[in-house]
Amino acid sequence: MMFENAPAETAKKSSFKESLMAIPGTIDAKLPTMDKSLDRYFDAHMSAIISEWGLITIHNLDDLDDRLDMVTTEIRNLERGRDEIDKRAAALEAGIRELEVR
């Protein structure tokens, strides 16, 4: 008979334990806090805050990333062009030297 009561007592204890563990969450949900008030304020006014403070958004970062890619491509193209111009300048200098020698 002693073994028959043990499972029922364990079930009651875990149920009581679960109810005790739920108390802080229940109290927290009912109490107003500064964090919750700020969260609601920011959710309601986020676009105005971003605009007023000049904050960067994901859209701004994506735009900057695209612009950086374009600038990087242009720099590579200019570097390739510079090498070509250097070759042409060397050929012109060689032609000038040849004319000077004559």
PDB file of N, CA and C in Angstrom:
ATOM      1  N   MET A   1       0.819  -1.193   0.000  1.00  0.00           N
ATOM      2  CA  MET A   1       0.000   0.000   0.000  1.00  0.00           C
ATOM      3  C   MET A   1       0.861   1.254   0.000  1.00  0.00           C
ATOM      4  N   MET A   2       1.958   1.188   0.561  1.00  0.00           N
ATOM      5  CA  MET A   2       2.831   2.342   0.614  1.00  0.00           C
ATOM      6  C   MET A   2       3.260   2.767  -0.789  1.00  0.00           C
ATOM      7  N   PHE A   3       3.405   1.821  -1.694  1.00  0.00           N
ATOM      8  CA  PHE A   3       3.829   2.134  -3.050  1.00  0.00           C
ATOM      9  C   PHE A   3       2.702   2.723  -3.877  1.00  0.00           C
ATOM     10  N   GLU A   4       1.467   2.467  -3.527  1.00  0.00           N
ATOM     11  CA  GLU A   4       0.339   2.978  -4.295  1.00  0.00           C
ATOM     12  C   GLU A   4       0.205   4.496  -4.136  1.00  0.00           C
ATOM     13  N   ASN A   5       0.520   5.045  -2.991  1.00  0.00           N
ATOM     14  CA  ASN A   5       0.382   6.485  -2.741  1.00  0.00           C
ATOM     15  C   ASN A   5       1.553   7.291  -3.307  1.00  0.00           C
ATOM     16  N   ALA A   6       2.695   6.695  -3.479  1.00  0.00           N
ATOM     17  CA  ALA A   6       3.888   7.420  -3.899  1.00  0.00           C
ATOM     18  C   ALA A   6       3.718   8.105  -5.262  1.00  0.00           C
ATOM     19  N   PRO A   7       3.195   7.431  -6.293  1.00  0.00           N
ATOM     20  CA  PRO A   7       3.052   8.120  -7.579  1.00  0.00           C
ATOM     21  C   PRO A   7       2.089   9.312  -7.507  1.00  0.00           C
ATOM     22  N   ALA A   8       1.017   9.200  -6.725  1.00  0.00           N
ATOM     23  CA  ALA A   8       0.063  10.303  -6.621  1.00  0.00           C
ATOM     24  C   ALA A   8       0.714  11.505  -5.944  1.00  0.00           C
ATOM     25  N   GLU A   9       1.524  11.276  -4.936  1.00  0.00           N
ATOM     26  CA  GLU A   9       2.198  12.371  -4.245  1.00  0.00           C
ATOM     27  C   GLU A   9       3.211  13.040  -5.162  1.00  0.00           C
ATOM     28  N   THR A  10       3.928  12.245  -5.966  1.00  0.00           N
ATOM     29  CA  THR A  10       4.901  12.793  -6.902  1.00  0.00           C
ATOM     30  C   THR A  10       4.204  13.653  -7.940  1.00  0.00           C
ATOM     31  N   ALA A  11       3.060  13.197  -8.411  1.00  0.00           N
ATOM     32  CA  ALA A  11       2.318  13.963  -9.405  1.00  0.00           C
ATOM     33  C   ALA A  11       1.858  15.291  -8.815  1.00  0.00           C
ATOM     34  N   LYS A  12       1.413  15.286  -7.558  1.00  0.00           N
ATOM     35  CA  LYS A  12       0.972  16.521  -6.919  1.00  0.00           C
ATOM     36  C   LYS A  12       2.142  17.473  -6.732  1.00  0.00           C
ATOM     37  N   LYS A  13       3.306  16.946  -6.344  1.00  0.00           N
ATOM     38  CA  LYS A  13       4.464  17.791  -6.126  1.00  0.00           C
ATOM     39  C   LYS A  13       4.917  18.445  -7.423  1.00  0.00           C
ATOM     40  N   SER A  14       4.958  17.696  -8.511  1.00  0.00           N
ATOM     41  CA  SER A  14       5.397  18.289  -9.765  1.00  0.00           C
ATOM     42  C   SER A  14       4.364  19.308 -10.250  1.00  0.00           C
ATOM     43  N   SER A  15       3.094  19.055  -9.986  1.00  0.00           N
ATOM     44  CA  SER A  15       2.065  20.008 -10.374  1.00  0.00           C
ATOM     45  C   SER A  15       2.209  21.277  -9.558  1.00  0.00           C
ATOM     46  N   PHE A  16       2.449  21.148  -8.269  1.00  0.00           N
ATOM     47  CA  PHE A  16       2.643  22.293  -7.399  1.00  0.00           C
ATOM     48  C   PHE A  16       3.920  23.045  -7.807  1.00  0.00           C
ATOM     49  N   LYS A  17       4.961  22.276  -8.115  1.00  0.00           N
ATOM     50  CA  LYS A  17       6.219  22.873  -8.530  1.00  0.00           C
ATOM     51  C   LYS A  17       6.026  23.670  -9.826  1.00  0.00           C
ATOM     52  N   GLU A  18       5.285  23.127 -10.757  1.00  0.00           N
ATOM     53  CA  GLU A  18       5.022  23.830 -12.020  1.00  0.00           C
ATOM     54  C   GLU A  18       4.229  25.104 -11.785  1.00  0.00           C
ATOM     55  N   SER A  19       3.274  25.055 -10.857  1.00  0.00           N
ATOM     56  CA  SER A  19       2.490  26.253 -10.580  1.00  0.00           C
ATOM     57  C   SER A  19       3.365  27.325  -9.911  1.00  0.00           C
ATOM     58  N   LEU A  20       4.307  26.911  -9.072  1.00  0.00           N
ATOM     59  CA  LEU A  20       5.223  27.864  -8.457  1.00  0.00           C
ATOM     60  C   LEU A  20       6.152  28.496  -9.500  1.00  0.00           C
ATOM     61  N   MET A  21       6.580  27.698 -10.450  1.00  0.00           N
ATOM     62  CA  MET A  21       7.476  28.201 -11.482  1.00  0.00           C
ATOM     63  C   MET A  21       6.750  29.187 -12.411  1.00  0.00           C
ATOM     64  N   ALA A  22       5.443  29.057 -12.535  1.00  0.00           N
ATOM     65  CA  ALA A  22       4.672  29.930 -13.421  1.00  0.00           C
ATOM     66  C   ALA A  22       4.351  31.275 -12.779  1.00  0.00           C
ATOM     67  N   ILE A  23       4.483  31.389 -11.462  1.00  0.00           N
ATOM     68  CA  ILE A  23       4.116  32.626 -10.753  1.00  0.00           C
ATOM     69  C   ILE A  23       4.914  33.844 -11.227  1.00  0.00           C
ATOM     70  N   PRO A  24       6.233  33.781 -11.347  1.00  0.00           N
ATOM     71  CA  PRO A  24       6.956  34.982 -11.796  1.00  0.00           C
ATOM     72  C   PRO A  24       6.502  35.458 -13.178  1.00  0.00           C
ATOM     73  N   GLY A  25       6.229  34.535 -14.084  1.00  0.00           N
ATOM     74  CA  GLY A  25       5.755  34.916 -15.419  1.00  0.00           C
ATOM     75  C   GLY A  25       4.395  35.571 -15.360  1.00  0.00           C
ATOM     76  N   THR A  26       3.518  35.060 -14.510  1.00  0.00           N
ATOM     77  CA  THR A  26       2.180  35.625 -14.366  1.00  0.00           C
ATOM     78  C   THR A  26       2.254  37.027 -13.771  1.00  0.00           C
ATOM     79  N   ILE A  27       3.057  37.193 -12.732  1.00  0.00           N
ATOM     80  CA  ILE A  27       3.211  38.505 -12.099  1.00  0.00           C
ATOM     81  C   ILE A  27       3.834  39.485 -13.094  1.00  0.00           C
ATOM     82  N   ASP A  28       4.860  39.044 -13.808  1.00  0.00           N
ATOM     83  CA  ASP A  28       5.553  39.900 -14.762  1.00  0.00           C
ATOM     84  C   ASP A  28       4.611  40.371 -15.866  1.00  0.00           C
ATOM     85  N   ALA A  29       3.720  39.506 -16.300  1.00  0.00           N
ATOM     86  CA  ALA A  29       2.783  39.872 -17.361  1.00  0.00           C
ATOM     87  C   ALA A  29       1.779  40.920 -16.884  1.00  0.00           C
ATOM     88  N   LYS A  30       1.470  40.940 -15.595  1.00  0.00           N
ATOM     89  CA  LYS A  30       0.458  41.863 -15.066  1.00  0.00           C
ATOM     90  C   LYS A  30       1.026  43.189 -14.589  1.00  0.00           C
ATOM     91  N   LEU A  31       2.304  43.240 -14.223  1.00  0.00           N
ATOM     92  CA  LEU A  31       2.894  44.465 -13.701  1.00  0.00           C
ATOM     93  C   LEU A  31       3.384  45.366 -14.829  1.00  0.00           C
ATOM     94  N   PRO A  32       3.029  46.639 -14.775  1.00  0.00           N
ATOM     95  CA  PRO A  32       3.585  47.554 -15.782  1.00  0.00           C
ATOM     96  C   PRO A  32       5.043  47.837 -15.449  1.00  0.00           C
ATOM     97  N   THR A  33       5.868  47.850 -16.459  1.00  0.00           N
ATOM     98  CA  THR A  33       7.283  48.145 -16.242  1.00  0.00           C
ATOM     99  C   THR A  33       7.735  49.193 -17.245  1.00  0.00           C
ATOM    100  N   MET A  34       8.847  49.795 -16.951  1.00  0.00           N
ATOM    101  CA  MET A  34       9.400  50.803 -17.845  1.00  0.00           C
ATOM    102  C   MET A  34       9.772  50.168 -19.184  1.00  0.00           C
ATOM    103  N   ASP A  35      10.319  48.938 -19.153  1.00  0.00           N
ATOM    104  CA  ASP A  35      10.707  48.263 -20.383  1.00  0.00           C
ATOM    105  C   ASP A  35       9.513  48.068 -21.314  1.00  0.00           C
ATOM    106  N   LYS A  36       8.420  47.629 -20.764  1.00  0.00           N
ATOM    107  CA  LYS A  36       7.230  47.389 -21.582  1.00  0.00           C
ATOM    108  C   LYS A  36       6.692  48.694 -22.155  1.00  0.00           C
ATOM    109  N   SER A  37       6.701  49.741 -21.351  1.00  0.00           N
ATOM    110  CA  SER A  37       6.226  51.038 -21.823  1.00  0.00           C
ATOM    111  C   SER A  37       7.129  51.559 -22.943  1.00  0.00           C
ATOM    112  N   LEU A  38       8.438  51.424 -22.773  1.00  0.00           N
ATOM    113  CA  LEU A  38       9.373  51.864 -23.808  1.00  0.00           C
ATOM    114  C   LEU A  38       9.210  51.048 -25.079  1.00  0.00           C
ATOM    115  N   ASP A  39       9.043  49.733 -24.926  1.00  0.00           N
ATOM    116  CA  ASP A  39       8.838  48.883 -26.098  1.00  0.00           C
ATOM    117  C   ASP A  39       7.617  49.321 -26.886  1.00  0.00           C
ATOM    118  N   ARG A  40       6.509  49.588 -26.200  1.00  0.00           N
ATOM    119  CA  ARG A  40       5.296  50.028 -26.883  1.00  0.00           C
ATOM    120  C   ARG A  40       5.511  51.376 -27.553  1.00  0.00           C
ATOM    121  N   TYR A  41       6.208  52.280 -26.868  1.00  0.00           N
ATOM    122  CA  TYR A  41       6.479  53.604 -27.430  1.00  0.00           C
ATOM    123  C   TYR A  41       7.324  53.485 -28.698  1.00  0.00           C
ATOM    124  N   PHE A  42       8.407  52.717 -28.606  1.00  0.00           N
ATOM    125  CA  PHE A  42       9.282  52.559 -29.773  1.00  0.00           C
ATOM    126  C   PHE A  42       8.558  51.871 -30.928  1.00  0.00           C
ATOM    127  N   ASP A  43       7.756  50.869 -30.630  1.00  0.00           N
ATOM    128  CA  ASP A  43       6.995  50.202 -31.690  1.00  0.00           C
ATOM    129  C   ASP A  43       6.066  51.179 -32.398  1.00  0.00           C
ATOM    130  N   ALA A  44       5.441  52.066 -31.653  1.00  0.00           N
ATOM    131  CA  ALA A  44       4.474  53.001 -32.230  1.00  0.00           C
ATOM    132  C   ALA A  44       5.152  54.155 -32.978  1.00  0.00           C
ATOM    133  N   HIS A  45       6.364  54.550 -32.554  1.00  0.00           N
ATOM    134  CA  HIS A  45       6.989  55.750 -33.105  1.00  0.00           C
ATOM    135  C   HIS A  45       8.339  55.493 -33.781  1.00  0.00           C
ATOM    136  N   MET A  46       8.620  54.262 -34.168  1.00  0.00           N
ATOM    137  CA  MET A  46       9.956  53.920 -34.667  1.00  0.00           C
ATOM    138  C   MET A  46      10.350  54.731 -35.895  1.00  0.00           C
ATOM    139  N   SER A  47       9.462  54.906 -36.869  1.00  0.00           N
ATOM    140  CA  SER A  47       9.858  55.626 -38.089  1.00  0.00           C
ATOM    141  C   SER A  47      10.179  57.086 -37.779  1.00  0.00           C
ATOM    142  N   ALA A  48       9.427  57.716 -36.886  1.00  0.00           N
ATOM    143  CA  ALA A  48       9.707  59.109 -36.521  1.00  0.00           C
ATOM    144  C   ALA A  48      11.032  59.208 -35.767  1.00  0.00           C
ATOM    145  N   ILE A  49      11.322  58.261 -34.914  1.00  0.00           N
ATOM    146  CA  ILE A  49      12.582  58.261 -34.158  1.00  0.00           C
ATOM    147  C   ILE A  49      13.761  58.092 -35.110  1.00  0.00           C
ATOM    148  N   ILE A  50      13.635  57.160 -36.060  1.00  0.00           N
ATOM    149  CA  ILE A  50      14.706  56.932 -37.039  1.00  0.00           C
ATOM    150  C   ILE A  50      14.968  58.201 -37.827  1.00  0.00           C
ATOM    151  N   SER A  51      13.900  58.853 -38.257  1.00  0.00           N
ATOM    152  CA  SER A  51      14.036  60.079 -39.040  1.00  0.00           C
ATOM    153  C   SER A  51      14.639  61.211 -38.205  1.00  0.00           C
ATOM    154  N   GLU A  52      14.125  61.414 -37.010  1.00  0.00           N
ATOM    155  CA  GLU A  52      14.578  62.513 -36.153  1.00  0.00           C
ATOM    156  C   GLU A  52      16.039  62.368 -35.753  1.00  0.00           C
ATOM    157  N   TRP A  53      16.439  61.155 -35.406  1.00  0.00           N
ATOM    158  CA  TRP A  53      17.800  60.927 -34.947  1.00  0.00           C
ATOM    159  C   TRP A  53      18.760  60.621 -36.094  1.00  0.00           C
ATOM    160  N   GLY A  54      18.237  60.461 -37.302  1.00  0.00           N
ATOM    161  CA  GLY A  54      19.096  60.154 -38.447  1.00  0.00           C
ATOM    162  C   GLY A  54      19.730  58.782 -38.337  1.00  0.00           C
ATOM    163  N   LEU A  55      18.982  57.815 -37.810  1.00  0.00           N
ATOM    164  CA  LEU A  55      19.502  56.462 -37.620  1.00  0.00           C
ATOM    165  C   LEU A  55      19.570  55.715 -38.946  1.00  0.00           C
ATOM    166  N   ILE A  56      20.463  54.770 -39.027  1.00  0.00           N
ATOM    167  CA  ILE A  56      20.628  53.972 -40.232  1.00  0.00           C
ATOM    168  C   ILE A  56      19.687  52.776 -40.164  1.00  0.00           C
ATOM    169  N   THR A  57      19.034  52.520 -41.284  1.00  0.00           N
ATOM    170  CA  THR A  57      18.128  51.370 -41.371  1.00  0.00           C
ATOM    171  C   THR A  57      18.759  50.302 -42.254  1.00  0.00           C
ATOM    172  N   ILE A  58      18.133  49.153 -42.294  1.00  0.00           N
ATOM    173  CA  ILE A  58      18.597  48.062 -43.157  1.00  0.00           C
ATOM    174  C   ILE A  58      18.604  48.531 -44.611  1.00  0.00           C
ATOM    175  N   HIS A  59      17.603  49.300 -44.996  1.00  0.00           N
ATOM    176  CA  HIS A  59      17.540  49.821 -46.368  1.00  0.00           C
ATOM    177  C   HIS A  59      18.759  50.692 -46.657  1.00  0.00           C
ATOM    178  N   ASN A  60      19.133  51.551 -45.704  1.00  0.00           N
ATOM    179  CA  ASN A  60      20.322  52.384 -45.883  1.00  0.00           C
ATOM    180  C   ASN A  60      21.580  51.532 -46.029  1.00  0.00           C
ATOM    181  N   LEU A  61      21.695  50.510 -45.198  1.00  0.00           N
ATOM    182  CA  LEU A  61      22.870  49.636 -45.261  1.00  0.00           C
ATOM    183  C   LEU A  61      22.931  48.885 -46.583  1.00  0.00           C
ATOM    184  N   ASP A  62      21.770  48.410 -47.055  1.00  0.00           N
ATOM    185  CA  ASP A  62      21.737  47.716 -48.347  1.00  0.00           C
ATOM    186  C   ASP A  62      22.143  48.662 -49.471  1.00  0.00           C
ATOM    187  N   ASP A  63      21.646  49.909 -49.403  1.00  0.00           N
ATOM    188  CA  ASP A  63      21.989  50.898 -50.414  1.00  0.00           C
ATOM    189  C   ASP A  63      23.488  51.192 -50.387  1.00  0.00           C
ATOM    190  N   LEU A  64      24.053  51.354 -49.194  1.00  0.00           N
ATOM    191  CA  LEU A  64      25.491  51.605 -49.075  1.00  0.00           C
ATOM    192  C   LEU A  64      26.312  50.429 -49.595  1.00  0.00           C
ATOM    193  N   ASP A  65      25.838  49.222 -49.332  1.00  0.00           N
ATOM    194  CA  ASP A  65      26.529  48.025 -49.805  1.00  0.00           C
ATOM    195  C   ASP A  65      26.520  47.984 -51.336  1.00  0.00           C
ATOM    196  N   ASP A  66      25.373  48.309 -51.944  1.00  0.00           N
ATOM    197  CA  ASP A  66      25.291  48.336 -53.408  1.00  0.00           C
ATOM    198  C   ASP A  66      26.219  49.406 -53.984  1.00  0.00           C
ATOM    199  N   ARG A  67      26.231  50.587 -53.358  1.00  0.00           N
ATOM    200  CA  ARG A  67      27.106  51.664 -53.825  1.00  0.00           C
ATOM    201  C   ARG A  67      28.574  51.280 -53.691  1.00  0.00           C
ATOM    202  N   LEU A  68      28.929  50.594 -52.605  1.00  0.00           N
ATOM    203  CA  LEU A  68      30.298  50.137 -52.405  1.00  0.00           C
ATOM    204  C   LEU A  68      30.695  49.153 -53.500  1.00  0.00           C
ATOM    205  N   ASP A  69      29.786  48.241 -53.855  1.00  0.00           N
ATOM    206  CA  ASP A  69      30.060  47.296 -54.938  1.00  0.00           C
ATOM    207  C   ASP A  69      30.304  48.029 -56.253  1.00  0.00           C
ATOM    208  N   MET A  70      29.481  49.056 -56.540  1.00  0.00           N
ATOM    209  CA  MET A  70      29.659  49.820 -57.778  1.00  0.00           C
ATOM    210  C   MET A  70      30.989  50.559 -57.781  1.00  0.00           C
ATOM    211  N   VAL A  71      31.348  51.173 -56.669  1.00  0.00           N
ATOM    212  CA  VAL A  71      32.609  51.910 -56.583  1.00  0.00           C
ATOM    213  C   VAL A  71      33.791  50.959 -56.730  1.00  0.00           C
ATOM    214  N   THR A  72      33.701  49.799 -56.112  1.00  0.00           N
ATOM    215  CA  THR A  72      34.770  48.801 -56.219  1.00  0.00           C
ATOM    216  C   THR A  72      34.952  48.372 -57.664  1.00  0.00           C
ATOM    217  N   THR A  73      33.856  48.159 -58.371  1.00  0.00           N
ATOM    218  CA  THR A  73      33.925  47.784 -59.785  1.00  0.00           C
ATOM    219  C   THR A  73      34.562  48.899 -60.602  1.00  0.00           C
ATOM    220  N   GLU A  74      34.174  50.138 -60.330  1.00  0.00           N
ATOM    221  CA  GLU A  74      34.752  51.277 -61.054  1.00  0.00           C
ATOM    222  C   GLU A  74      36.248  51.396 -60.788  1.00  0.00           C
ATOM    223  N   ILE A  75      36.660  51.175 -59.545  1.00  0.00           N
ATOM    224  CA  ILE A  75      38.088  51.250 -59.208  1.00  0.00           C
ATOM    225  C   ILE A  75      38.863  50.188 -59.976  1.00  0.00           C
ATOM    226  N   ARG A  76      38.323  48.972 -60.035  1.00  0.00           N
ATOM    227  CA  ARG A  76      38.991  47.899 -60.799  1.00  0.00           C
ATOM    228  C   ARG A  76      39.121  48.290 -62.269  1.00  0.00           C
ATOM    229  N   ASN A  77      38.046  48.847 -62.843  1.00  0.00           N
ATOM    230  CA  ASN A  77      38.086  49.263 -64.245  1.00  0.00           C
ATOM    231  C   ASN A  77      39.117  50.365 -64.460  1.00  0.00           C
ATOM    232  N   LEU A  78      39.189  51.326 -63.539  1.00  0.00           N
ATOM    233  CA  LEU A  78      40.176  52.397 -63.657  1.00  0.00           C
ATOM    234  C   LEU A  78      41.600  51.865 -63.542  1.00  0.00           C
ATOM    235  N   GLU A  79      41.803  50.890 -62.652  1.00  0.00           N
ATOM    236  CA  GLU A  79      43.139  50.309 -62.511  1.00  0.00           C
ATOM    237  C   GLU A  79      43.550  49.596 -63.791  1.00  0.00           C
ATOM    238  N   ARG A  80      42.606  48.866 -64.407  1.00  0.00           N
ATOM    239  CA  ARG A  80      42.906  48.215 -65.685  1.00  0.00           C
ATOM    240  C   ARG A  80      43.231  49.273 -66.739  1.00  0.00           C
ATOM    241  N   GLY A  81      42.475  50.357 -66.758  1.00  0.00           N
ATOM    242  CA  GLY A  81      42.726  51.435 -67.704  1.00  0.00           C
ATOM    243  C   GLY A  81      44.062  52.103 -67.463  1.00  0.00           C
ATOM    244  N   ARG A  82      44.440  52.226 -66.193  1.00  0.00           N
ATOM    245  CA  ARG A  82      45.726  52.834 -65.855  1.00  0.00           C
ATOM    246  C   ARG A  82      46.882  52.003 -66.402  1.00  0.00           C
ATOM    247  N   ASP A  83      46.765  50.687 -66.274  1.00  0.00           N
ATOM    248  CA  ASP A  83      47.816  49.814 -66.808  1.00  0.00           C
ATOM    249  C   ASP A  83      47.940  49.993 -68.319  1.00  0.00           C
ATOM    250  N   GLU A  84      46.810  50.122 -68.988  1.00  0.00           N
ATOM    251  CA  GLU A  84      46.818  50.315 -70.435  1.00  0.00           C
ATOM    252  C   GLU A  84      47.438  51.668 -70.791  1.00  0.00           C
ATOM    253  N   ILE A  85      47.091  52.698 -70.038  1.00  0.00           N
ATOM    254  CA  ILE A  85      47.658  54.030 -70.276  1.00  0.00           C
ATOM    255  C   ILE A  85      49.162  54.025 -70.013  1.00  0.00           C
ATOM    256  N   ASP A  86      49.601  53.323 -68.961  1.00  0.00           N
ATOM    257  CA  ASP A  86      51.036  53.225 -68.673  1.00  0.00           C
ATOM    258  C   ASP A  86      51.780  52.569 -69.840  1.00  0.00           C
ATOM    259  N   LYS A  87      51.182  51.528 -70.423  1.00  0.00           N
ATOM    260  CA  LYS A  87      51.804  50.859 -71.567  1.00  0.00           C
ATOM    261  C   LYS A  87      51.889  51.811 -72.756  1.00  0.00           C
ATOM    262  N   ARG A  88      50.825  52.557 -73.023  1.00  0.00           N
ATOM    263  CA  ARG A  88      50.818  53.507 -74.139  1.00  0.00           C
ATOM    264  C   ARG A  88      51.835  54.623 -73.903  1.00  0.00           C
ATOM    265  N   ALA A  89      51.933  55.105 -72.651  1.00  0.00           N
ATOM    266  CA  ALA A  89      52.907  56.155 -72.328  1.00  0.00           C
ATOM    267  C   ALA A  89      54.324  55.644 -72.526  1.00  0.00           C
ATOM    268  N   ALA A  90      54.585  54.409 -72.133  1.00  0.00           N
ATOM    269  CA  ALA A  90      55.918  53.829 -72.322  1.00  0.00           C
ATOM    270  C   ALA A  90      56.240  53.721 -73.808  1.00  0.00           C
ATOM    271  N   ALA A  91      55.243  53.327 -74.615  1.00  0.00           N
ATOM    272  CA  ALA A  91      55.457  53.227 -76.059  1.00  0.00           C
ATOM    273  C   ALA A  91      55.727  54.606 -76.659  1.00  0.00           C
ATOM    274  N   LEU A  92      55.012  55.632 -76.196  1.00  0.00           N
ATOM    275  CA  LEU A  92      55.244  56.991 -76.686  1.00  0.00           C
ATOM    276  C   LEU A  92      56.636  57.484 -76.299  1.00  0.00           C
ATOM    277  N   GLU A  93      57.067  57.223 -75.050  1.00  0.00           N
ATOM    278  CA  GLU A  93      58.399  57.619 -74.608  1.00  0.00           C
ATOM    279  C   GLU A  93      59.478  56.932 -75.444  1.00  0.00           C
ATOM    280  N   ALA A  94      59.253  55.667 -75.735  1.00  0.00           N
ATOM    281  CA  ALA A  94      60.212  54.941 -76.564  1.00  0.00           C
ATOM    282  C   ALA A  94      60.271  55.557 -77.959  1.00  0.00           C
ATOM    283  N   GLY A  95      59.104  55.927 -78.493  1.00  0.00           N
ATOM    284  CA  GLY A  95      59.064  56.562 -79.825  1.00  0.00           C
ATOM    285  C   GLY A  95      59.751  57.915 -79.808  1.00  0.00           C
ATOM    286  N   ILE A  96      59.573  58.686 -78.743  1.00  0.00           N
ATOM    287  CA  ILE A  96      60.217  59.998 -78.615  1.00  0.00           C
ATOM    288  C   ILE A  96      61.730  59.827 -78.549  1.00  0.00           C
ATOM    289  N   ARG A  97      62.217  58.882 -77.750  1.00  0.00           N
ATOM    290  CA  ARG A  97      63.663  58.629 -77.640  1.00  0.00           C
ATOM    291  C   ARG A  97      64.243  58.257 -79.002  1.00  0.00           C
ATOM    292  N   GLU A  98      63.488  57.433 -79.714  1.00  0.00           N
ATOM    293  CA  GLU A  98      63.955  57.005 -81.038  1.00  0.00           C
ATOM    294  C   GLU A  98      64.072  58.205 -81.983  1.00  0.00           C
ATOM    295  N   LEU A  99      63.085  59.098 -81.909  1.00  0.00           N
ATOM    296  CA  LEU A  99      63.137  60.287 -82.758  1.00  0.00           C
ATOM    297  C   LEU A  99      64.268  61.219 -82.329  1.00  0.00           C
ATOM    298  N   GLU A 100      64.538  61.310 -81.054  1.00  0.00           N
ATOM    299  CA  GLU A 100      65.598  62.181 -80.552  1.00  0.00           C
ATOM    300  C   GLU A 100      66.975  61.666 -80.989  1.00  0.00           C
ATOM    301  N   VAL A 101      67.111  60.368 -81.054  1.00  0.00           N
ATOM    302  CA  VAL A 101      68.396  59.776 -81.424  1.00  0.00           C
ATOM    303  C   VAL A 101      68.679  60.062 -82.905  1.00  0.00           C
ATOM    304  N   ARG A 102      67.724  60.108 -83.737  1.00  0.00           N
ATOM    305  CA  ARG A 102      67.923  60.334 -85.174  1.00  0.00           C
ATOM    306  C   ARG A 102      68.369  61.675 -85.440  1.00  0.00           C
TER     307      ARG A 102
END
